[in-house]
């Protein structure tokens, strides 16, 4: 009887796991929002504040889409914040030279993509763990950004790029949220489709679950890894575009520590640092949870150190929960 009960419980858990992977973060987001709505000021749940939170989520959420691919493949990228800073500098530099805004934006995205490609090549060719490689790239890319900007901010003329994450005017209420937020949503659908309906997505999950088995099955592991890191860099470049929209200048010192927020968003959303697990919906919810917590703490007048403690505790809890899920699955 005991063995039968254990078998039933294990089967039930295996059936429940896919649902909990996305339902858990969603319920967590609802709970956090309701808590701050009850104990926080009335301004927290206003339409204006909801729009502000959506704008704040766009930068982290966009970069986290690329990080989702990396973490599912079993890697990690600590250079995301530096690539965002480099992207803002490149965009401002091109705009200063009177290049068309679309071309300047493309240059910023390509700069991030190139950095990601270099990271992927270093990881696959040198056979060094991603943590060490990306820690080095974290410093290298930040140094390049400071060198290009000559260690100062680069002012850029006003352009359509400045309106990506600008607050909506009276005649723009029909949009609900700024264009940058809609861009993040569209990119989320693209990444979700890539993960679930393309060979690249299937191979990414396979590599993160068991790289040796994937290699034995004929998967071009190195090529997939380089592609994943290049895509992550491109998304970091897009996040840099949104960061530029908020700052309206190229700043080589911006986005310091952003990589931790990005990784946290993926982990809180159910992504596993061991690889093989993660979802776009979970990542978006994870980014929203962090934004809601910070906004709620700010609305209540709590200092930044309290926000950092709360966020850190949530990250530790999410990782511990991931370990517990793996332990029960085994």
Protein backbone atom coordinates (compact mmCIF):
# COMPACT_ATOMS: atom_id res chain seq x y z
CA UNK A 1 0.00 0.00 0.00
CA UNK A 2 2.81 2.38 0.87
CA UNK A 3 4.47 1.79 -2.49
CA UNK A 4 1.17 2.34 -4.29
CA UNK A 5 0.59 5.60 -2.41
CA UNK A 6 4.10 6.81 -3.28
CA UNK A 7 3.54 5.92 -6.92
CA UNK A 8 0.23 7.77 -7.02
CA UNK A 9 1.73 10.85 -5.36
CA UNK A 10 4.68 10.84 -7.76
CA UNK A 11 2.36 10.55 -10.77
CA UNK A 12 0.15 13.34 -9.42
CA UNK A 13 3.19 15.56 -8.87
CA UNK A 14 4.43 14.95 -12.42
CA UNK A 15 1.00 15.92 -13.76
CA UNK A 16 0.89 19.00 -11.56
CA UNK A 17 4.40 20.31 -12.31
CA UNK A 18 3.67 21.81 -15.77
CA UNK A 19 0.71 23.71 -14.34
CA UNK A 20 2.61 24.98 -11.30
CA UNK A 21 5.46 26.15 -13.53
CA UNK A 22 3.33 29.01 -14.87
CA UNK A 23 0.40 29.12 -12.43
CA UNK A 24 2.60 29.60 -9.36
CA UNK A 25 4.23 32.87 -10.53
CA UNK A 26 0.86 34.21 -11.74
CA UNK A 27 -0.74 33.54 -8.34
CA UNK A 28 2.29 35.14 -6.69
CA UNK A 29 1.88 38.27 -8.81
CA UNK A 30 -1.82 38.52 -7.93
CA UNK A 31 -1.06 38.04 -4.23
CA UNK A 32 1.69 40.69 -4.18
CA UNK A 33 -0.51 43.19 -6.02
CA UNK A 34 -3.46 42.60 -3.68
CA UNK A 35 -1.25 42.98 -0.60
CA UNK A 36 0.08 46.37 -1.70
CA UNK A 37 -3.40 47.44 -2.82
CA UNK A 38 -4.68 46.75 0.71
CA UNK A 39 -1.81 48.09 2.82
CA UNK A 40 -0.45 50.73 0.44
CA UNK A 41 -1.79 54.15 -0.49
CA UNK A 42 -4.73 54.52 -2.87
CA UNK A 43 -2.40 55.86 -5.56
CA UNK A 44 -0.82 52.39 -5.93
CA UNK A 45 -3.76 50.86 -7.83
CA UNK A 46 -4.53 53.87 -10.02
CA UNK A 47 -4.39 53.65 -13.80
CA UNK A 48 -1.52 56.12 -13.87
CA UNK A 49 0.60 53.98 -11.54
CA UNK A 50 -0.25 50.83 -13.50
CA UNK A 51 1.02 52.55 -16.64
CA UNK A 52 4.19 53.58 -14.78
CA UNK A 53 4.80 50.01 -13.63
CA UNK A 54 4.34 48.75 -17.19
CA UNK A 55 6.95 51.24 -18.41
CA UNK A 56 9.35 50.22 -15.64
CA UNK A 57 8.93 46.55 -16.54
CA UNK A 58 9.70 47.05 -20.23
CA UNK A 59 13.48 47.36 -19.86
CA UNK A 60 14.00 44.41 -17.51
CA UNK A 61 11.33 42.34 -19.28
CA UNK A 62 12.87 42.80 -22.73
CA UNK A 63 16.37 41.85 -21.55
CA UNK A 64 14.90 38.93 -19.59
CA UNK A 65 13.45 37.43 -22.78
CA UNK A 66 16.97 36.85 -24.05
CA UNK A 67 18.13 35.67 -20.64
CA UNK A 68 15.31 33.10 -20.66
CA UNK A 69 16.86 31.46 -23.73
CA UNK A 70 20.31 31.46 -22.10
CA UNK A 71 19.13 29.98 -18.79
CA UNK A 72 17.01 27.31 -20.50
CA UNK A 73 20.14 26.26 -22.41
CA UNK A 74 21.97 25.83 -19.11
CA UNK A 75 24.01 29.04 -19.29
CA UNK A 76 23.99 32.47 -17.70
CA UNK A 77 24.97 35.96 -18.85
CA UNK A 78 26.29 38.53 -16.38
CA UNK A 79 27.13 41.08 -19.07
CA UNK A 80 23.54 42.10 -19.90
CA UNK A 81 23.70 45.40 -17.98
CA UNK A 82 26.93 46.36 -19.71
CA UNK A 83 25.43 45.61 -23.13
CA UNK A 84 22.44 47.82 -22.30
CA UNK A 85 24.83 50.66 -21.44
CA UNK A 86 26.82 50.11 -24.65
CA UNK A 87 23.62 50.16 -26.68
CA UNK A 88 22.56 53.54 -25.26
CA UNK A 89 26.00 54.97 -26.07
CA UNK A 90 25.97 53.64 -29.65
CA UNK A 91 22.45 54.97 -30.29
CA UNK A 92 23.30 58.42 -28.91
CA UNK A 93 26.55 58.54 -30.89
CA UNK A 94 24.78 57.75 -34.17
CA UNK A 95 21.97 60.23 -33.48
CA UNK A 96 24.55 62.89 -32.72
CA UNK A 97 25.94 62.32 -36.21
CA UNK A 98 22.44 62.93 -37.65
CA UNK A 99 21.87 59.31 -38.64
CA UNK A 100 18.23 58.29 -39.12
CA UNK A 101 16.69 57.17 -35.77
CA UNK A 102 15.79 53.73 -37.15
CA UNK A 103 19.39 53.17 -38.25
CA UNK A 104 20.69 54.37 -34.89
CA UNK A 105 18.36 51.98 -33.09
CA UNK A 106 19.48 49.13 -35.35
CA UNK A 107 23.12 49.96 -34.60
CA UNK A 108 22.43 49.72 -30.87
CA UNK A 109 20.73 46.34 -31.24
CA UNK A 110 23.54 45.04 -33.47
CA UNK A 111 26.12 46.17 -30.92
CA UNK A 112 24.42 44.02 -28.29
CA UNK A 113 24.07 41.12 -30.71
CA UNK A 114 27.78 41.28 -31.58
CA UNK A 115 28.73 41.21 -27.90
CA UNK A 116 26.46 38.22 -27.35
CA UNK A 117 27.99 36.45 -30.32
CA UNK A 118 31.50 36.99 -28.91
CA UNK A 119 30.33 35.63 -25.55
CA UNK A 120 28.88 32.54 -27.21
CA UNK A 121 32.09 31.90 -29.13
CA UNK A 122 34.19 32.24 -25.98
CA UNK A 123 31.94 29.85 -24.09
CA UNK A 124 31.99 27.22 -26.83
CA UNK A 125 35.58 27.56 -28.07
CA UNK A 126 37.40 28.03 -24.77
CA UNK A 127 35.19 25.53 -22.93
CA UNK A 128 35.08 27.89 -19.95
CA UNK A 129 32.00 28.00 -17.76
CA UNK A 130 29.59 30.81 -18.79
CA UNK A 131 29.78 32.44 -15.35
CA UNK A 132 33.49 33.23 -15.78
CA UNK A 133 33.26 34.22 -19.45
CA UNK A 134 30.32 36.56 -18.93
CA UNK A 135 31.89 38.05 -15.80
CA UNK A 136 34.86 39.00 -17.98
CA UNK A 137 32.57 40.33 -20.70
CA UNK A 138 30.75 42.33 -18.03
CA UNK A 139 33.95 44.35 -17.53
CA UNK A 140 35.08 44.37 -21.16
CA UNK A 141 31.80 45.66 -22.59
CA UNK A 142 31.39 48.26 -19.85
CA UNK A 143 34.94 49.44 -20.55
CA UNK A 144 34.22 49.69 -24.29
CA UNK A 145 31.10 51.76 -23.56
CA UNK A 146 33.08 54.14 -21.35
CA UNK A 147 35.85 54.36 -23.93
CA UNK A 148 33.47 55.23 -26.77
CA UNK A 149 31.73 57.83 -24.62
CA UNK A 150 35.04 59.12 -23.22
CA UNK A 151 33.68 58.43 -19.73
CA UNK A 152 30.86 60.93 -20.01
CA UNK A 153 27.25 61.05 -21.14
CA UNK A 154 26.53 61.58 -24.83
CA UNK A 155 23.75 64.06 -25.52
CA UNK A 156 21.55 63.25 -28.50
CA UNK A 157 19.03 65.34 -30.43
CA UNK A 158 15.33 64.64 -29.86
CA UNK A 159 13.88 61.93 -32.08
CA UNK A 160 10.99 59.51 -32.27
CA UNK A 161 13.02 57.11 -30.13
CA UNK A 162 12.40 59.33 -27.11
CA UNK A 163 8.69 58.52 -27.20
CA UNK A 164 9.03 54.74 -26.87
CA UNK A 165 8.63 54.76 -23.09
CA UNK A 166 7.38 58.31 -22.56
CA UNK A 167 4.26 58.82 -20.47
CA UNK A 168 1.11 58.86 -22.59
CA UNK A 169 -0.39 62.23 -23.37
CA UNK A 170 -4.06 63.12 -23.21
CA UNK A 171 -4.61 62.17 -26.86
CA UNK A 172 -2.79 58.82 -26.55
CA UNK A 173 -4.92 57.14 -23.90
CA UNK A 174 -6.29 54.74 -26.51
CA UNK A 175 -2.87 53.03 -26.53
CA UNK A 176 -3.24 52.09 -22.84
CA UNK A 177 0.54 51.81 -22.49
CA UNK A 178 3.48 53.33 -24.44
CA UNK A 179 4.77 51.75 -27.66
CA UNK A 180 7.82 50.30 -25.90
CA UNK A 181 5.60 48.16 -23.68
CA UNK A 182 3.68 46.85 -26.71
CA UNK A 183 7.03 46.09 -28.33
CA UNK A 184 7.99 43.99 -25.30
CA UNK A 185 4.67 42.11 -25.51
CA UNK A 186 5.18 41.43 -29.22
CA UNK A 187 8.72 40.19 -28.59
CA UNK A 188 7.40 37.91 -25.83
CA UNK A 189 5.07 36.22 -28.33
CA UNK A 190 7.97 35.87 -30.78
CA UNK A 191 10.22 34.20 -28.20
CA UNK A 192 7.39 31.94 -27.00
CA UNK A 193 6.80 30.84 -30.58
CA UNK A 194 10.52 30.28 -31.09
CA UNK A 195 10.75 28.08 -27.99
CA UNK A 196 7.70 25.94 -28.70
CA UNK A 197 7.42 25.74 -32.48
CA UNK A 198 10.96 25.81 -33.87
CA UNK A 199 13.88 23.43 -33.93
CA UNK A 200 16.04 26.05 -32.19
CA UNK A 201 13.63 26.12 -29.27
CA UNK A 202 13.47 22.34 -28.94
CA UNK A 203 17.26 22.06 -29.12
CA UNK A 204 17.65 24.80 -26.52
CA UNK A 205 15.53 22.83 -24.04
CA UNK A 206 17.37 19.62 -24.96
CA UNK A 207 20.81 21.15 -24.35
CA UNK A 208 19.76 22.58 -21.01
CA UNK A 209 18.24 19.27 -19.90
CA UNK A 210 21.17 17.06 -20.93
CA UNK A 211 23.92 18.51 -23.11
CA UNK A 212 25.76 15.21 -23.58
CA UNK A 213 22.63 13.41 -24.70
CA UNK A 214 21.78 16.27 -27.07
CA UNK A 215 25.25 16.09 -28.59
CA UNK A 216 24.99 12.33 -29.04
CA UNK A 217 21.63 12.82 -30.78
CA UNK A 218 23.31 14.99 -33.42
CA UNK A 219 22.40 18.43 -32.10
CA UNK A 220 24.92 21.12 -33.09
CA UNK A 221 25.35 22.20 -29.47
CA UNK A 222 28.02 24.84 -30.05
CA UNK A 223 26.08 26.48 -32.88
CA UNK A 224 22.89 26.59 -30.80
CA UNK A 225 24.73 28.10 -27.84
CA UNK A 226 26.28 30.84 -29.97
CA UNK A 227 22.88 31.59 -31.48
CA UNK A 228 21.26 31.76 -28.04
CA UNK A 229 23.89 34.15 -26.67
CA UNK A 230 23.68 36.29 -29.83
CA UNK A 231 19.89 36.53 -29.41
CA UNK A 232 20.34 37.41 -25.74
CA UNK A 233 22.70 40.20 -26.78
CA UNK A 234 20.17 41.46 -29.33
CA UNK A 235 17.46 41.59 -26.67
CA UNK A 236 19.89 43.43 -24.39
CA UNK A 237 20.38 45.89 -27.26
CA UNK A 238 16.60 46.36 -27.51
CA UNK A 239 16.49 46.91 -23.74
CA UNK A 240 19.22 49.50 -24.26
CA UNK A 241 17.00 51.20 -26.84
CA UNK A 242 14.24 51.45 -24.25
CA UNK A 243 16.72 52.65 -21.64
CA UNK A 244 17.84 55.36 -24.04
CA UNK A 245 14.20 56.34 -24.53
CA UNK A 246 13.87 56.92 -20.78
CA UNK A 247 17.20 58.72 -20.36
CA UNK A 248 17.37 60.51 -23.76
CA UNK A 249 21.18 60.32 -23.48
CA UNK A 250 23.85 57.68 -23.97
CA UNK A 251 25.16 56.79 -20.52
CA UNK A 252 28.04 54.27 -20.14
CA UNK A 253 27.39 53.96 -16.40
CA UNK A 254 23.68 53.12 -16.63
CA UNK A 255 22.11 49.69 -15.93
CA UNK A 256 24.63 48.78 -13.24
CA UNK A 257 23.22 45.70 -11.53
CA UNK A 258 20.51 45.24 -14.17
CA UNK A 259 21.80 41.75 -14.91
CA UNK A 260 20.75 40.67 -11.40
CA UNK A 261 17.20 41.95 -11.96
CA UNK A 262 17.06 40.18 -15.31
CA UNK A 263 18.28 36.85 -13.92
CA UNK A 264 15.94 37.22 -10.94
CA UNK A 265 12.96 37.76 -13.27
CA UNK A 266 13.67 34.47 -15.04
CA UNK A 267 14.26 32.54 -11.80
CA UNK A 268 11.20 33.96 -10.04
CA UNK A 269 9.18 33.03 -13.12
CA UNK A 270 10.12 29.37 -12.80
CA UNK A 271 13.33 29.22 -14.82
CA UNK A 272 15.89 26.74 -13.49
CA UNK A 273 19.55 27.71 -13.14
CA UNK A 274 20.31 24.06 -13.86
CA UNK A 275 18.89 24.51 -17.36
CA UNK A 276 16.11 22.82 -19.28
CA UNK A 277 13.25 24.75 -17.67
CA UNK A 278 11.73 28.17 -18.17
CA UNK A 279 8.94 29.96 -19.97
CA UNK A 280 8.23 33.36 -21.46
CA UNK A 281 5.05 33.78 -19.43
CA UNK A 282 6.91 32.99 -16.23
CA UNK A 283 9.67 35.45 -17.09
CA UNK A 284 7.21 38.26 -17.80
CA UNK A 285 5.38 37.54 -14.55
CA UNK A 286 8.69 37.47 -12.67
CA UNK A 287 9.62 40.89 -14.07
CA UNK A 288 6.19 42.24 -13.10
CA UNK A 289 6.49 40.86 -9.56
CA UNK A 290 9.75 42.73 -9.04
CA UNK A 291 8.28 45.94 -10.44
CA UNK A 292 5.16 45.67 -8.26
CA UNK A 293 7.26 45.11 -5.14
CA UNK A 294 9.49 48.10 -5.86
CA UNK A 295 6.58 50.33 -6.77
CA UNK A 296 4.65 49.28 -3.67
CA UNK A 297 7.62 49.87 -1.39
CA UNK A 298 8.22 53.29 -2.98
CA UNK A 299 4.55 54.24 -2.65
CA UNK A 300 4.69 53.32 1.04
CA UNK A 301 7.82 55.41 1.53
CA UNK A 302 10.07 52.47 2.38
CA UNK A 303 13.82 53.00 1.80
CA UNK A 304 15.72 51.26 -1.00
CA UNK A 305 17.48 48.86 1.36
CA UNK A 306 14.12 47.37 2.35
CA UNK A 307 13.28 46.82 -1.32
CA UNK A 308 16.62 45.09 -1.85
CA UNK A 309 16.08 42.81 1.14
CA UNK A 310 12.58 41.85 -0.02
CA UNK A 311 13.75 41.20 -3.59
CA UNK A 312 16.73 39.17 -2.35
CA UNK A 313 14.50 37.03 -0.12
CA UNK A 314 12.16 36.35 -3.05
CA UNK A 315 15.09 35.26 -5.24
CA UNK A 316 16.40 32.89 -2.56
CA UNK A 317 12.87 31.49 -2.07
CA UNK A 318 12.45 30.98 -5.83
CA UNK A 319 15.77 29.12 -6.15
CA UNK A 320 14.99 27.01 -3.06
CA UNK A 321 11.59 26.16 -4.54
CA UNK A 322 13.27 25.14 -7.80
CA UNK A 323 15.61 22.80 -5.92
CA UNK A 324 12.67 21.32 -4.04
CA UNK A 325 10.82 20.67 -7.30
CA UNK A 326 13.86 18.88 -8.73
CA UNK A 327 14.29 16.82 -5.58
CA UNK A 328 10.68 15.64 -5.63
CA UNK A 329 10.86 14.92 -9.36
CA UNK A 330 13.84 12.64 -8.81
